[in-house]
Amino acid sequence: TFGKVSLAGDEATVTLLLLVFSIGIGTGSLLCNRLLRGAIHLTYVPYGALGISLFALEIYFASNAYPVKPSDAHSGVFWFLSQGYGWRVLLDMFMIALSGGIYIVPLNALIQARSEEAHRARNIATVNILNALFMVVSAIVSALLLTLGFSVPELFLTVAICNLGAIYFTAKIS
């Protein structure tokens, strides 16, 4: 929806956004390992949460500045990249994902490291179930907000604001 509706992109544009996001997650995960030097601690988790909020806010502004006209509907990836906003949106997507990698890797590593070996698999499975539950709830809330007239960029703004709680919580535990 974001790539096609908000950015007037075609399937190649959506694929590019997904590719950049995937590369960002991988880069954030590798960077986190490098920053932590193999140790397991939560030092950078609040910075990851902050990055998610800042770049979700930035993508909200970038998306609203994006000059989409009805005649641009489903324009190609090269048109998207020829617009200055296209690169800005790609950078925002990359940085949200990179921040996500920095946020989640230490949390998952800590769960694994602090779990007793006999309960480790169960703890990881429980976390995965909770993650899936939160994904379903967030999808339902997103669908509800879209039904109420929110745009996808406004969903990014909502995430940026709601994520402030995660920043506060992770700053307290790190």
Protein backbone atom coordinates (compact mmCIF):
# COMPACT_ATOMS: atom_id res chain seq x y z
CA THR A 1 0.00 0.00 0.00
CA PHE A 2 2.73 2.48 0.94
CA GLY A 3 4.76 1.97 -2.24
CA LYS A 4 1.79 1.85 -4.58
CA VAL A 5 -0.60 4.37 -3.04
CA SER A 6 1.54 6.87 -1.13
CA LEU A 7 4.47 6.83 -3.55
CA ALA A 8 2.63 5.97 -6.80
CA GLY A 9 5.14 3.20 -7.43
CA ASP A 10 4.81 0.02 -9.41
CA GLU A 11 5.70 -3.54 -8.37
CA ALA A 12 9.40 -2.89 -9.00
CA THR A 13 9.26 0.12 -6.67
CA VAL A 14 7.64 -1.97 -3.93
CA THR A 15 10.28 -4.67 -4.46
CA LEU A 16 13.02 -2.03 -4.15
CA LEU A 17 11.53 -0.79 -0.86
CA LEU A 18 11.43 -4.36 0.49
CA LEU A 19 15.00 -4.98 -0.68
CA VAL A 20 16.30 -1.81 0.98
CA PHE A 21 14.43 -2.69 4.19
CA SER A 22 15.89 -6.21 4.22
CA ILE A 23 19.41 -4.89 3.66
CA GLY A 24 18.84 -2.38 6.48
CA ILE A 25 17.83 -5.11 8.96
CA GLY A 26 20.91 -7.16 8.04
CA THR A 27 23.17 -4.13 8.27
CA GLY A 28 21.72 -3.15 11.66
CA SER A 29 22.23 -6.68 12.95
CA LEU A 30 25.86 -6.75 11.80
CA LEU A 31 26.51 -3.25 13.09
CA CYS A 32 25.05 -4.20 16.47
CA ASN A 33 27.40 -7.17 16.72
CA ARG A 34 30.31 -4.90 15.80
CA LEU A 35 29.32 -2.22 18.34
CA LEU A 36 28.85 -4.76 21.13
CA ARG A 37 32.07 -6.60 20.18
CA GLY A 38 30.34 -9.92 20.71
CA ALA A 39 29.20 -9.06 24.25
CA ILE A 40 25.56 -9.28 25.25
CA HIS A 41 24.18 -6.10 26.77
CA LEU A 42 21.43 -3.60 26.06
CA THR A 43 23.52 -0.43 25.72
CA TYR A 44 22.41 0.38 22.17
CA VAL A 45 18.79 -0.81 22.41
CA PRO A 46 17.42 2.66 23.34
CA TYR A 47 19.32 4.15 20.39
CA GLY A 48 17.72 1.57 18.10
CA ALA A 49 14.28 2.50 19.45
CA LEU A 50 15.08 6.19 19.03
CA GLY A 51 16.22 5.60 15.45
CA ILE A 52 12.97 3.80 14.65
CA SER A 53 10.96 6.76 15.96
CA LEU A 54 13.09 9.44 14.31
CA PHE A 55 13.11 7.79 10.90
CA ALA A 56 9.41 6.85 11.09
CA LEU A 57 8.76 10.55 11.76
CA GLU A 58 11.08 11.49 8.90
CA ILE A 59 9.36 9.10 6.48
CA TYR A 60 6.06 10.70 7.46
CA PHE A 61 7.41 14.11 6.43
CA ALA A 62 9.13 12.72 3.32
CA SER A 63 5.93 10.97 2.22
CA ASN A 64 3.85 14.11 2.68
CA ALA A 65 6.36 16.11 0.66
CA TYR A 66 6.26 13.53 -2.12
CA PRO A 67 4.62 15.09 -5.20
CA VAL A 68 2.23 12.28 -6.19
CA LYS A 69 -0.43 13.13 -8.74
CA PRO A 70 -3.17 10.79 -9.98
CA SER A 71 -1.48 10.74 -13.40
CA ASP A 72 1.65 9.31 -11.73
CA ALA A 73 -0.20 6.20 -10.57
CA HIS A 74 2.05 3.17 -10.72
CA SER A 75 4.99 4.99 -12.24
CA GLY A 76 8.14 2.97 -12.69
CA VAL A 77 11.05 2.50 -10.34
CA PHE A 78 13.25 4.76 -12.46
CA TRP A 79 10.70 7.56 -12.18
CA PHE A 80 10.63 6.98 -8.42
CA LEU A 81 14.43 7.20 -8.21
CA SER A 82 14.55 10.25 -10.49
CA GLN A 83 12.57 12.17 -7.89
CA GLY A 84 14.66 13.56 -5.05
CA TYR A 85 12.06 12.25 -2.63
CA GLY A 86 12.59 8.69 -3.83
CA TRP A 87 16.11 8.56 -2.45
CA ARG A 88 14.96 10.24 0.76
CA VAL A 89 12.25 7.61 1.29
CA LEU A 90 14.74 4.81 0.53
CA LEU A 91 17.18 6.21 3.09
CA ASP A 92 14.38 6.48 5.66
CA MET A 93 13.32 2.87 5.03
CA PHE A 94 16.94 1.72 5.32
CA MET A 95 17.47 3.62 8.58
CA ILE A 96 14.21 2.36 10.16
CA ALA A 97 15.34 -1.18 9.37
CA LEU A 98 18.93 -0.58 10.53
CA SER A 99 17.59 0.84 13.79
CA GLY A 100 15.33 -2.19 14.09
CA GLY A 101 18.34 -4.49 13.80
CA ILE A 102 20.18 -2.55 16.50
CA TYR A 103 17.05 -2.72 18.66
CA ILE A 104 16.11 -6.38 18.37
CA VAL A 105 19.43 -8.27 18.18
CA PRO A 106 20.58 -7.54 21.76
CA LEU A 107 17.11 -8.29 23.13
CA ASN A 108 16.98 -11.69 21.43
CA ALA A 109 20.58 -12.44 22.44
CA LEU A 110 19.79 -11.56 26.05
CA ILE A 111 16.78 -13.88 26.09
CA GLN A 112 18.95 -16.71 24.79
CA ALA A 113 21.86 -15.99 27.13
CA ARG A 114 19.78 -15.63 30.30
CA SER A 115 17.52 -18.60 29.70
CA GLU A 116 18.37 -21.86 31.39
CA GLU A 117 19.40 -24.38 28.77
CA ALA A 118 16.47 -26.64 29.65
CA HIS A 119 14.00 -23.77 29.04
CA ARG A 120 15.78 -21.87 26.25
CA ALA A 121 13.76 -23.30 23.35
CA ARG A 122 10.51 -22.75 25.24
CA ASN A 123 11.46 -19.15 26.05
CA ILE A 124 12.39 -18.41 22.45
CA ALA A 125 9.14 -20.02 21.25
CA THR A 126 7.16 -17.91 23.74
CA VAL A 127 8.84 -14.73 22.51
CA ASN A 128 8.08 -15.72 18.91
CA ILE A 129 4.43 -16.32 19.79
CA LEU A 130 4.24 -12.93 21.52
CA ASN A 131 5.89 -11.28 18.50
CA ALA A 132 3.32 -12.92 16.21
CA LEU A 133 0.51 -11.79 18.50
CA PHE A 134 1.76 -8.20 18.45
CA MET A 135 2.05 -8.34 14.64
CA VAL A 136 -1.57 -9.46 14.38
CA VAL A 137 -2.72 -6.77 16.81
CA SER A 138 -0.73 -4.10 14.96
CA ALA A 139 -2.19 -5.27 11.63
CA ILE A 140 -5.71 -5.03 13.07
CA VAL A 141 -5.03 -1.57 14.54
CA SER A 142 -3.49 -0.45 11.23
CA ALA A 143 -6.49 -1.73 9.28
CA LEU A 144 -8.81 0.05 11.70
CA LEU A 145 -6.88 3.32 11.40
CA LEU A 146 -6.84 3.05 7.59
CA THR A 147 -10.60 2.43 7.67
CA LEU A 148 -10.99 5.57 9.79
CA GLY A 149 -9.20 7.57 7.10
CA PHE A 150 -5.57 7.50 8.19
CA SER A 151 -3.01 7.46 5.40
CA VAL A 152 -0.01 5.12 5.46
CA PRO A 153 2.32 8.06 6.22
CA GLU A 154 0.07 8.85 9.19
CA LEU A 155 0.57 5.26 10.36
CA PHE A 156 4.33 5.94 10.33
CA LEU A 157 3.67 9.03 12.45
CA THR A 158 1.57 6.95 14.86
CA VAL A 159 4.38 4.38 15.15
CA ALA A 160 6.89 7.16 15.81
CA ILE A 161 4.76 8.53 18.63
CA CYS A 162 3.82 5.15 20.16
CA ASN A 163 7.44 4.03 20.03
CA LEU A 164 8.35 6.76 22.53
CA GLY A 165 7.19 4.34 25.23
CA ALA A 166 9.68 1.75 23.98
CA ILE A 167 12.44 4.35 24.10
CA TYR A 168 11.60 5.18 27.72
CA PHE A 169 11.33 1.52 28.75
CA THR A 170 14.55 0.42 27.03
CA ALA A 171 16.45 3.38 28.46
CA LYS A 172 15.37 2.28 31.95
CA ILE A 173 16.43 -1.36 31.52
CA SER A 174 19.72 -0.80 29.70
